[in-house]
N, C-alpha and C. Protein backbone atom coordinates (compact mmCIF):
# COMPACT_ATOMS: atom_id res chain seq x y z
N UNK A 1 -68.22 50.78 46.53
CA UNK A 1 -68.49 49.98 47.40
C UNK A 1 -67.57 49.56 48.08
N UNK A 2 -67.06 49.09 48.98
CA UNK A 2 -66.17 49.43 49.96
C UNK A 2 -65.01 48.15 50.06
N UNK A 3 -63.87 47.68 49.88
CA UNK A 3 -63.77 46.54 49.84
C UNK A 3 -63.43 45.18 50.61
N UNK A 4 -63.39 46.07 51.84
CA UNK A 4 -63.20 44.92 52.88
C UNK A 4 -63.63 46.19 54.36
N UNK A 5 -64.00 45.53 55.30
CA UNK A 5 -64.39 46.10 56.88
C UNK A 5 -63.19 46.97 57.62
N UNK A 6 -61.98 46.15 57.19
CA UNK A 6 -61.27 46.75 58.03
C UNK A 6 -60.32 48.10 57.42
N UNK A 7 -60.85 48.27 56.52
CA UNK A 7 -60.40 49.77 55.80
C UNK A 7 -61.62 50.83 55.99
N UNK A 8 -62.13 50.23 57.08
CA UNK A 8 -63.02 51.63 57.58
C UNK A 8 -62.96 51.94 58.94
N UNK A 9 -62.49 53.20 58.97
CA UNK A 9 -62.29 53.55 60.65
C UNK A 9 -62.82 54.82 60.95
N UNK A 10 -63.57 54.65 61.86
CA UNK A 10 -64.54 55.84 62.46
C UNK A 10 -64.12 56.24 63.55
N UNK A 11 -63.55 57.46 63.17
CA UNK A 11 -62.83 58.97 63.86
C UNK A 11 -64.01 60.03 64.40
N UNK A 12 -64.07 60.00 65.59
CA UNK A 12 -64.73 60.89 66.28
C UNK A 12 -64.00 62.24 66.29
N UNK A 13 -64.41 63.47 66.23
CA UNK A 13 -63.81 64.45 66.49
C UNK A 13 -64.47 65.81 65.73
N UNK A 14 -64.20 67.17 65.22
CA UNK A 14 -64.26 67.98 64.45
C UNK A 14 -63.60 68.48 63.17
N UNK A 15 -64.70 68.92 62.84
CA UNK A 15 -64.11 69.74 61.37
C UNK A 15 -63.89 71.50 61.70
N UNK A 16 -62.68 71.90 61.03
CA UNK A 16 -62.28 72.77 60.79
C UNK A 16 -62.13 73.29 59.39
N UNK A 17 -63.08 73.83 58.71
CA UNK A 17 -63.48 74.46 57.53
C UNK A 17 -62.55 75.46 56.99
N UNK A 18 -61.29 75.27 55.82
CA UNK A 18 -60.49 76.39 55.58
C UNK A 18 -61.07 77.08 54.47
N UNK A 19 -60.43 78.17 54.20
CA UNK A 19 -60.92 79.24 52.85
C UNK A 19 -60.80 78.32 51.24
N UNK A 20 -59.98 77.10 51.46
CA UNK A 20 -60.60 76.17 50.45
C UNK A 20 -61.68 75.96 50.29
N UNK A 21 -62.38 75.63 48.88
CA UNK A 21 -63.44 75.24 48.92
C UNK A 21 -63.20 73.50 48.87
N UNK A 22 -64.56 72.73 49.60
CA UNK A 22 -64.56 71.56 50.02
C UNK A 22 -63.16 70.80 50.66
N UNK A 23 -62.37 71.88 51.62
CA UNK A 23 -61.17 71.57 52.60
C UNK A 23 -61.42 71.59 53.56
N UNK A 24 -61.08 70.98 54.64
CA UNK A 24 -61.24 71.22 55.91
C UNK A 24 -59.80 70.50 57.06
N UNK A 25 -59.48 70.71 57.77
CA UNK A 25 -58.42 70.17 58.85
C UNK A 25 -59.62 69.39 59.75
N UNK A 26 -59.30 67.98 59.93
CA UNK A 26 -59.99 67.27 60.98
C UNK A 26 -59.19 67.04 62.57
N UNK A 27 -60.15 67.30 63.37
CA UNK A 27 -59.25 67.68 64.81
C UNK A 27 -59.97 66.06 65.51
N UNK A 28 -58.65 65.30 66.31
CA UNK A 28 -59.46 64.32 66.82
C UNK A 28 -58.89 63.78 68.00
N UNK A 29 -59.14 63.44 69.23
CA UNK A 29 -58.64 62.69 70.28
C UNK A 29 -58.25 61.47 70.18
N UNK A 30 -58.74 60.59 68.90
CA UNK A 30 -58.72 59.34 68.74
C UNK A 30 -56.64 58.82 68.19
N UNK A 31 -56.56 58.13 68.41
CA UNK A 31 -55.57 57.64 67.71
C UNK A 31 -55.72 57.20 66.19
N UNK A 32 -55.34 58.15 65.14
CA UNK A 32 -54.93 58.06 64.07
C UNK A 32 -54.46 56.93 63.39
N UNK A 33 -54.97 56.18 62.73
CA UNK A 33 -54.17 55.12 61.90
C UNK A 33 -53.00 55.85 60.86
N UNK A 34 -51.58 55.84 60.98
CA UNK A 34 -50.79 56.25 60.48
C UNK A 34 -51.08 56.31 58.88
N UNK A 35 -51.64 55.69 58.09
CA UNK A 35 -52.13 55.58 56.44
C UNK A 35 -53.05 56.43 56.19
N UNK A 36 -53.83 57.33 57.50
CA UNK A 36 -54.88 58.09 57.38
C UNK A 36 -54.14 59.65 57.46
N UNK A 37 -53.05 59.91 57.92
CA UNK A 37 -52.63 61.27 58.02
C UNK A 37 -52.39 61.82 56.89
N UNK A 38 -52.83 63.06 56.78
CA UNK A 38 -52.50 63.43 55.59
C UNK A 38 -53.04 63.22 53.58
N UNK A 39 -54.28 62.52 54.23
CA UNK A 39 -54.95 61.66 53.28
C UNK A 39 -56.28 62.68 52.90
N UNK A 40 -57.02 62.03 52.08
CA UNK A 40 -57.81 62.86 51.61
C UNK A 40 -59.02 61.68 52.25
N UNK A 41 -60.04 62.00 53.24
CA UNK A 41 -60.53 61.36 54.01
C UNK A 41 -62.11 61.69 53.36
N UNK A 42 -63.18 60.95 53.70
CA UNK A 42 -64.66 60.97 53.16
C UNK A 42 -65.01 61.17 54.78
N UNK A 43 -65.74 62.05 54.59
CA UNK A 43 -66.43 63.16 55.69
C UNK A 43 -67.91 62.22 55.68
N UNK A 44 -68.27 61.72 56.79
CA UNK A 44 -69.52 61.11 57.36
C UNK A 44 -70.52 61.76 58.15
N UNK A 45 -71.78 62.56 58.24
CA UNK A 45 -72.42 63.78 58.82
C UNK A 45 -72.30 63.04 60.14
N UNK A 46 -72.57 63.19 61.40
CA UNK A 46 -72.38 62.84 62.75
C UNK A 46 -74.05 62.20 62.67
N UNK A 47 -75.18 62.42 61.90
CA UNK A 47 -76.17 61.96 61.89
C UNK A 47 -76.15 60.41 61.72
N UNK A 48 -75.13 59.79 60.77
CA UNK A 48 -74.86 58.73 60.67
C UNK A 48 -73.77 58.03 61.78
N UNK A 49 -74.03 56.47 61.92
CA UNK A 49 -73.41 56.02 62.64
C UNK A 49 -72.46 54.99 61.71
N UNK A 50 -71.18 54.57 61.82
CA UNK A 50 -70.44 53.73 61.01
C UNK A 50 -71.38 52.66 60.67
N UNK A 51 -72.07 51.99 61.32
CA UNK A 51 -72.76 50.80 61.33
C UNK A 51 -73.69 51.07 59.93
N UNK A 52 -73.94 51.98 59.81
CA UNK A 52 -74.83 52.47 58.72
C UNK A 52 -74.47 52.11 57.25
N UNK A 53 -73.12 52.57 57.63
CA UNK A 53 -72.36 52.40 56.16
C UNK A 53 -72.01 51.01 55.95
N UNK A 54 -71.62 50.21 57.06
CA UNK A 54 -71.21 48.63 57.18
C UNK A 54 -72.04 48.51 56.43
N UNK A 55 -73.89 48.50 57.37
CA UNK A 55 -74.61 47.56 56.53
C UNK A 55 -75.43 47.65 55.36
N UNK A 56 -75.19 48.95 54.81
CA UNK A 56 -75.66 49.17 53.27
C UNK A 56 -74.41 48.40 52.10
N UNK A 57 -73.33 48.98 52.51
CA UNK A 57 -71.74 48.57 51.70
C UNK A 57 -71.72 47.52 51.90
N UNK A 58 -71.45 46.53 52.98
CA UNK A 58 -70.70 45.36 52.97
C UNK A 58 -71.79 44.10 52.50
N UNK A 59 -71.37 43.75 51.45
CA UNK A 59 -72.18 42.62 50.55
C UNK A 59 -72.61 41.11 51.76
N UNK A 60 -71.33 41.22 52.66
CA UNK A 60 -71.83 40.00 53.69
C UNK A 60 -72.29 40.10 54.85
N UNK A 61 -73.07 41.61 55.00
CA UNK A 61 -74.34 41.89 56.03
C UNK A 61 -75.47 41.29 55.66
N UNK A 62 -75.55 40.55 56.96
CA UNK A 62 -76.73 39.78 56.76
C UNK A 62 -78.77 40.31 57.01
N UNK A 63 -79.06 40.16 55.84
CA UNK A 63 -80.47 40.58 55.85
C UNK A 63 -81.73 39.54 55.43
N UNK A 64 -82.71 39.61 56.39
CA UNK A 64 -83.69 38.63 56.18
C UNK A 64 -85.19 39.94 56.27
N UNK A 65 -85.80 39.09 54.99
CA UNK A 65 -87.13 40.36 54.50
C UNK A 65 -87.97 39.34 56.06
N UNK A 66 -88.64 40.32 56.64
CA UNK A 66 -89.68 39.62 57.77
C UNK A 66 -90.69 40.94 57.99
N UNK A 67 -92.00 40.25 58.71
CA UNK A 67 -92.90 40.81 59.11
C UNK A 67 -92.68 41.46 60.49
N UNK A 68 -93.07 42.50 60.62
CA UNK A 68 -92.75 43.13 61.92
C UNK A 68 -94.10 42.96 62.95
N UNK A 69 -93.51 42.13 64.16
CA UNK A 69 -94.67 41.88 65.08
C UNK A 69 -94.54 42.75 66.60
N UNK A 70 -95.62 43.01 66.96
CA UNK A 70 -95.85 43.90 67.84
C UNK A 70 -95.35 43.17 69.08
N UNK A 71 -94.40 43.72 69.91
CA UNK A 71 -93.56 42.91 71.11
C UNK A 71 -94.47 43.38 72.63
N UNK A 72 -94.55 43.05 73.07
CA UNK A 72 -94.78 43.34 74.77
C UNK A 72 -93.92 44.39 74.96
N UNK A 73 -94.45 45.41 75.63
CA UNK A 73 -94.01 46.87 75.96
C UNK A 73 -93.72 46.66 77.92
N UNK A 74 -93.48 47.41 78.55
CA UNK A 74 -93.44 47.75 80.03
C UNK A 74 -93.71 49.19 79.95
N UNK A 75 -94.84 49.71 80.54
CA UNK A 75 -95.22 50.98 80.46
C UNK A 75 -95.64 51.46 82.25
N UNK A 76 -95.74 52.74 82.13
CA UNK A 76 -95.83 53.49 83.50
C UNK A 76 -96.59 54.84 83.04
N UNK A 77 -97.68 55.13 84.23
CA UNK A 77 -98.19 56.36 83.56
C UNK A 77 -97.10 57.65 84.10
N UNK A 78 -97.33 58.52 83.60
CA UNK A 78 -96.22 60.08 83.38
C UNK A 78 -97.20 60.96 83.36
N UNK A 79 -96.67 61.90 84.39
CA UNK A 79 -98.02 63.31 84.42
C UNK A 79 -97.01 64.05 83.34
N UNK A 80 -97.83 64.72 82.59
CA UNK A 80 -97.08 65.37 81.66
C UNK A 80 -96.93 67.31 82.41
N UNK A 81 -95.80 67.88 81.73
CA UNK A 81 -95.47 69.11 82.09
C UNK A 81 -96.71 70.27 81.79
N UNK A 82 -97.28 70.15 80.88
CA UNK A 82 -98.26 70.95 80.02
C UNK A 82 -99.69 70.02 79.73
N UNK A 83 -100.68 70.89 79.77
CA UNK A 83 -102.22 70.20 78.87
C UNK A 83 -101.98 69.92 77.25
N UNK A 84 -102.59 69.23 76.82
CA UNK A 84 -101.92 68.77 75.29
C UNK A 84 -103.36 68.40 74.93
N UNK A 85 -103.83 68.60 73.73
CA UNK A 85 -105.29 68.36 73.18
C UNK A 85 -104.95 66.95 72.12
N UNK A 86 -105.53 65.99 72.69
CA UNK A 86 -105.33 65.17 71.40
C UNK A 86 -106.54 64.58 71.41
N UNK A 87 -106.72 64.16 69.87
CA UNK A 87 -108.23 63.79 69.60
C UNK A 87 -109.34 64.85 70.24
N UNK A 88 -109.32 65.97 70.13
CA UNK A 88 -110.16 67.07 70.66
C UNK A 88 -110.18 66.60 72.37
N UNK A 89 -109.55 65.84 73.04
CA UNK A 89 -109.48 65.49 74.50
C UNK A 89 -108.25 66.05 75.21
N UNK A 90 -108.28 66.81 76.08
CA UNK A 90 -107.40 67.61 77.41
C UNK A 90 -106.81 66.36 77.72
N UNK A 91 -105.10 66.22 77.40
CA UNK A 91 -104.79 64.98 78.42
C UNK A 91 -103.72 65.73 79.08
N UNK A 92 -103.51 65.28 80.51
CA UNK A 92 -101.99 65.52 81.44
C UNK A 92 -101.27 64.29 81.35
N UNK A 93 -101.77 63.33 81.13
CA UNK A 93 -101.32 62.08 81.41
C UNK A 93 -100.85 61.26 80.31
N UNK A 94 -99.61 60.55 80.45
CA UNK A 94 -98.91 60.03 79.56
C UNK A 94 -99.07 58.37 79.76
N UNK A 95 -98.82 57.43 78.75
CA UNK A 95 -98.48 56.18 79.15
C UNK A 95 -96.97 56.33 78.31
N UNK A 96 -95.72 56.20 79.03
CA UNK A 96 -94.36 56.00 78.78
C UNK A 96 -94.31 54.49 78.56
N UNK A 97 -93.64 53.83 77.30
CA UNK A 97 -93.87 52.12 77.02
C UNK A 97 -92.06 52.17 76.35
N UNK A 98 -91.69 51.04 77.04
CA UNK A 98 -90.43 50.56 76.56
C UNK A 98 -90.50 49.20 76.09
N UNK A 99 -90.07 48.65 75.30
CA UNK A 99 -90.13 47.60 74.72
C UNK A 99 -89.55 46.56 75.93
N UNK A 100 -90.09 45.69 76.33
CA UNK A 100 -89.91 44.66 77.22
C UNK A 100 -88.90 43.45 77.22
N UNK A 101 -87.90 43.40 77.94
CA UNK A 101 -86.41 42.86 77.87
C UNK A 101 -85.43 43.70 77.06
N UNK A 102 -85.87 44.69 76.80
CA UNK A 102 -84.65 45.37 76.13
C UNK A 102 -83.73 46.59 77.22
N UNK A 103 -82.45 46.45 77.05
CA UNK A 103 -81.73 47.55 78.11
C UNK A 103 -81.59 49.20 77.12
N UNK A 104 -82.46 49.59 76.95
CA UNK A 104 -82.26 50.83 76.12
C UNK A 104 -83.34 52.22 76.79
N UNK A 105 -82.84 53.21 76.23
CA UNK A 105 -83.39 54.56 77.06
C UNK A 105 -84.50 55.11 75.99
N UNK A 106 -85.08 54.30 74.85
CA UNK A 106 -85.79 54.94 74.20
C UNK A 106 -86.84 54.11 74.67
N UNK A 107 -87.90 55.24 74.38
CA UNK A 107 -89.28 55.30 75.00
C UNK A 107 -90.26 55.74 73.74
N UNK A 108 -91.54 55.31 74.29
CA UNK A 108 -92.84 55.87 73.57
C UNK A 108 -93.64 56.42 74.49
N UNK A 109 -94.29 57.24 74.11
CA UNK A 109 -95.29 57.92 74.77
C UNK A 109 -96.79 57.99 74.43
N UNK A 110 -98.06 57.64 74.92
CA UNK A 110 -99.53 57.54 74.22
C UNK A 110 -100.02 58.40 75.34
N UNK A 111 -101.12 58.97 74.78
CA UNK A 111 -101.96 59.85 75.52
C UNK A 111 -103.04 58.80 76.63
N UNK A 112 -103.09 59.28 77.95
CA UNK A 112 -104.12 58.43 78.47
C UNK A 112 -105.38 59.83 78.55
N UNK A 113 -106.39 58.88 77.84
CA UNK A 113 -107.62 60.19 77.44
C UNK A 113 -108.74 59.94 79.05
N UNK A 114 -109.15 61.05 79.09
CA UNK A 114 -109.84 61.53 80.68
C UNK A 114 -111.23 60.70 79.90
N UNK A 115 -111.51 60.17 78.62
CA UNK A 115 -112.45 59.41 78.27
C UNK A 115 -112.58 57.95 78.50
N UNK A 116 -111.48 57.47 78.46
CA UNK A 116 -111.09 56.15 78.79
C UNK A 116 -110.65 55.46 77.73
N UNK A 117 -110.89 55.88 76.77
CA UNK A 117 -110.25 55.60 74.99
C UNK A 117 -108.72 55.13 75.31
N UNK A 118 -108.69 53.96 75.07
CA UNK A 118 -106.81 53.68 74.90
C UNK A 118 -107.02 52.30 74.71
N UNK A 119 -105.97 52.00 73.54
CA UNK A 119 -105.75 50.83 73.34
C UNK A 119 -104.56 49.98 74.05
N UNK A 120 -104.30 50.63 74.91
CA UNK A 120 -103.07 50.15 75.79
C UNK A 120 -103.62 49.87 77.31
N UNK A 121 -103.56 48.92 77.84
CA UNK A 121 -103.58 48.34 78.89
C UNK A 121 -102.40 47.74 80.05
N UNK A 122 -101.76 48.52 81.01
CA UNK A 122 -101.21 48.12 81.93
C UNK A 122 -101.51 46.92 82.83
N UNK A 123 -100.81 46.05 82.61
CA UNK A 123 -101.02 45.10 83.45
C UNK A 123 -100.32 45.48 84.70
N UNK A 124 -100.85 44.50 85.65
CA UNK A 124 -100.16 44.80 87.35
C UNK A 124 -98.90 44.89 87.62
N UNK A 125 -98.33 44.04 86.62
CA UNK A 125 -96.54 43.80 86.78
C UNK A 125 -96.04 44.88 85.67
N UNK A 126 -96.60 46.10 85.32
CA UNK A 126 -96.34 47.04 84.42
C UNK A 126 -96.19 46.75 82.59
N UNK A 127 -96.83 45.01 82.45
CA UNK A 127 -96.51 44.97 81.11
C UNK A 127 -97.63 45.43 80.26
N UNK A 128 -97.19 45.38 79.14
CA UNK A 128 -98.33 46.04 77.90
C UNK A 128 -98.42 44.81 76.86
N UNK A 129 -99.15 44.16 77.08
CA UNK A 129 -99.55 43.03 75.49
C UNK A 129 -99.45 43.54 74.37
N UNK A 130 -98.12 43.69 73.61
CA UNK A 130 -98.00 44.22 72.23
C UNK A 130 -97.98 45.76 72.21
N UNK A 131 -97.91 46.42 73.40
CA UNK A 131 -97.27 47.64 73.70
C UNK A 131 -96.53 48.10 72.75
N UNK A 132 -95.27 46.98 72.20
CA UNK A 132 -94.03 47.92 71.23
C UNK A 132 -94.79 47.80 69.76
N UNK A 133 -95.80 48.48 69.30
CA UNK A 133 -96.45 48.57 67.98
C UNK A 133 -95.48 49.15 66.51
N UNK A 134 -94.23 49.21 66.57
CA UNK A 134 -93.45 49.44 65.54
C UNK A 134 -92.23 49.79 65.88
N UNK A 135 -91.34 49.66 64.57
CA UNK A 135 -89.71 49.91 64.63
C UNK A 135 -89.65 51.33 63.76
N UNK A 136 -88.59 51.87 63.24
CA UNK A 136 -87.80 52.44 62.93
C UNK A 136 -86.96 51.96 61.53
N UNK A 137 -86.98 52.60 60.27
CA UNK A 137 -85.97 52.22 59.44
C UNK A 137 -84.81 52.88 59.84
N UNK A 138 -83.64 52.18 59.75
CA UNK A 138 -82.43 53.00 60.54
C UNK A 138 -81.90 54.05 59.28
N UNK A 139 -82.49 53.79 57.78
CA UNK A 139 -82.14 55.04 56.69
C UNK A 139 -82.82 56.28 56.97
N UNK A 140 -83.94 55.85 56.54
CA UNK A 140 -84.98 57.25 56.42
C UNK A 140 -86.07 57.24 57.94
N UNK A 141 -86.11 56.82 58.76
CA UNK A 141 -86.55 56.55 60.04
C UNK A 141 -88.52 56.46 59.97
N UNK A 142 -88.50 55.94 58.35
CA UNK A 142 -89.71 55.52 58.40
C UNK A 142 -90.52 54.50 59.23
N UNK A 143 -91.61 54.97 59.81
CA UNK A 143 -92.05 53.63 60.74
C UNK A 143 -92.31 52.60 60.04
N UNK A 144 -92.24 51.49 60.43
CA UNK A 144 -92.30 50.01 60.00
C UNK A 144 -93.32 49.18 61.10
N UNK A 145 -94.49 49.27 60.62
CA UNK A 145 -95.55 48.77 61.60
C UNK A 145 -95.82 47.43 61.69
N UNK A 146 -96.18 47.12 62.82
CA UNK A 146 -96.95 45.44 62.88
C UNK A 146 -97.55 45.15 61.74
N UNK A 147 -97.28 44.20 61.40
CA UNK A 147 -98.23 43.55 60.21
C UNK A 147 -97.67 44.18 58.83
N UNK A 148 -96.57 44.82 58.82
CA UNK A 148 -95.75 45.22 57.21
C UNK A 148 -94.52 44.77 57.66
N UNK A 149 -93.73 44.47 56.58
CA UNK A 149 -92.78 43.79 56.06
C UNK A 149 -91.42 45.03 55.93
N UNK A 150 -90.48 44.59 56.51
CA UNK A 150 -88.92 44.96 56.27
C UNK A 150 -88.00 44.24 56.51
N UNK A 151 -87.17 44.86 56.52
CA UNK A 151 -85.55 43.80 56.69
C UNK A 151 -84.97 44.05 57.84
N UNK A 152 -84.69 42.74 58.34
CA UNK A 152 -83.94 42.81 59.66
C UNK A 152 -82.26 42.76 59.74
N UNK A 153 -81.72 42.91 60.43
CA UNK A 153 -80.20 42.10 60.62
C UNK A 153 -80.14 41.26 61.65
N UNK A 154 -79.13 40.47 62.05
CA UNK A 154 -78.95 39.89 63.57
C UNK A 154 -78.81 40.55 64.69
N UNK A 155 -78.96 42.03 64.68
CA UNK A 155 -78.79 42.72 65.55
C UNK A 155 -80.12 43.54 65.54
N UNK A 156 -81.25 43.38 65.04
CA UNK A 156 -82.22 43.84 65.36
C UNK A 156 -82.53 45.33 65.22
N UNK A 157 -81.34 45.36 63.70
CA UNK A 157 -81.46 46.58 63.07
C UNK A 157 -82.71 46.78 61.72
N UNK A 158 -83.76 47.73 61.44
CA UNK A 158 -84.74 47.21 60.97
C UNK A 158 -84.22 48.38 59.67
N UNK A 159 -84.66 48.25 58.23
CA UNK A 159 -84.72 49.23 57.00
C UNK A 159 -85.93 48.61 56.31
N UNK A 160 -86.88 49.58 55.96
CA UNK A 160 -88.07 49.44 55.47
C UNK A 160 -87.62 48.86 53.86
N UNK A 161 -88.75 48.41 53.16
CA UNK A 161 -88.55 47.78 51.87
C UNK A 161 -87.81 48.30 51.00
N UNK A 162 -88.47 50.04 51.06
CA UNK A 162 -88.11 50.88 49.98
C UNK A 162 -86.47 51.47 50.09
N UNK A 163 -86.09 51.71 51.55
CA UNK A 163 -84.84 51.58 51.48
C UNK A 163 -83.87 50.35 51.18
N UNK A 164 -84.64 49.39 51.61
CA UNK A 164 -83.86 47.94 51.14
C UNK A 164 -83.32 47.93 49.52
N UNK A 165 -84.68 48.31 48.77
CA UNK A 165 -84.51 48.11 47.42
C UNK A 165 -83.30 49.10 46.68
N UNK A 166 -83.64 50.40 47.43
CA UNK A 166 -83.15 51.68 47.05
C UNK A 166 -81.49 51.82 47.71
N UNK A 167 -81.08 51.03 48.23
CA UNK A 167 -79.99 51.52 48.87
C UNK A 167 -78.95 50.04 49.23
N UNK A 168 -79.51 49.47 50.12
CA UNK A 168 -78.93 47.98 50.54
C UNK A 168 -78.71 47.20 49.53
N UNK A 169 -80.04 46.75 49.03
CA UNK A 169 -79.60 45.56 47.90
C UNK A 169 -78.52 45.84 46.51
N UNK A 170 -78.19 47.32 46.47
CA UNK A 170 -77.47 47.28 45.46
C UNK A 170 -75.94 48.40 45.67
N UNK A 171 -75.48 48.24 47.31
CA UNK A 171 -74.71 48.49 48.23
C UNK A 171 -74.45 50.34 47.78
N UNK A 172 -75.65 50.93 48.02
CA UNK A 172 -75.72 52.26 47.44
C UNK A 172 -75.32 53.24 48.51
N UNK A 173 -74.44 54.02 49.08
CA UNK A 173 -74.60 54.74 50.03
C UNK A 173 -75.44 56.61 49.74
N UNK A 174 -75.68 56.56 48.76
CA UNK A 174 -76.53 57.86 48.44
C UNK A 174 -77.77 57.88 49.26
N UNK A 175 -78.23 57.29 50.35
CA UNK A 175 -78.87 57.91 51.47
C UNK A 175 -78.23 58.78 52.72
N UNK A 176 -76.95 58.73 52.19
CA UNK A 176 -75.96 59.54 53.11
C UNK A 176 -76.14 61.22 52.89
N UNK A 177 -76.68 61.59 51.31
CA UNK A 177 -76.57 62.83 50.80
C UNK A 177 -77.85 62.99 50.15
N UNK A 178 -79.07 62.35 50.98
CA UNK A 178 -80.45 63.09 50.37
C UNK A 178 -80.98 63.72 51.21
């Protein structure tokens, strides 16, 4: 467990591994706090963002158990670069969907079936009612579907119930090494 947030420092750079086992030299363009120079530092794989450490380790991080509800999306039809076979149908077009009201590069793609079967309907203004149907766990990437429960923080980061019980509840950073 980490005593306070002010002792956590995120440094971006690269590691050069030496000949000594478990030893490396870290190079960064960031200003390095004087107390970090020539110290043993914990290395966190680039897959993990510092917020993942904080959201699990800090007892003051606020979580609320909540049912995930589908949200409206905004979409458009895009042409695929190749033909794909989905559910036995040749698909060449896709519906690209973004969460409505979010400034994010995150989007999802759903097939446009030639037979017309689809649960997504794009309105005249591009809105897709209930088109954003799930989120993903910040720790294991498991899908959290509409109608299921997970834990959400004030910045709308989600963790699944399993990761909450296994890591967040006990401030266990083992998720980084599994």
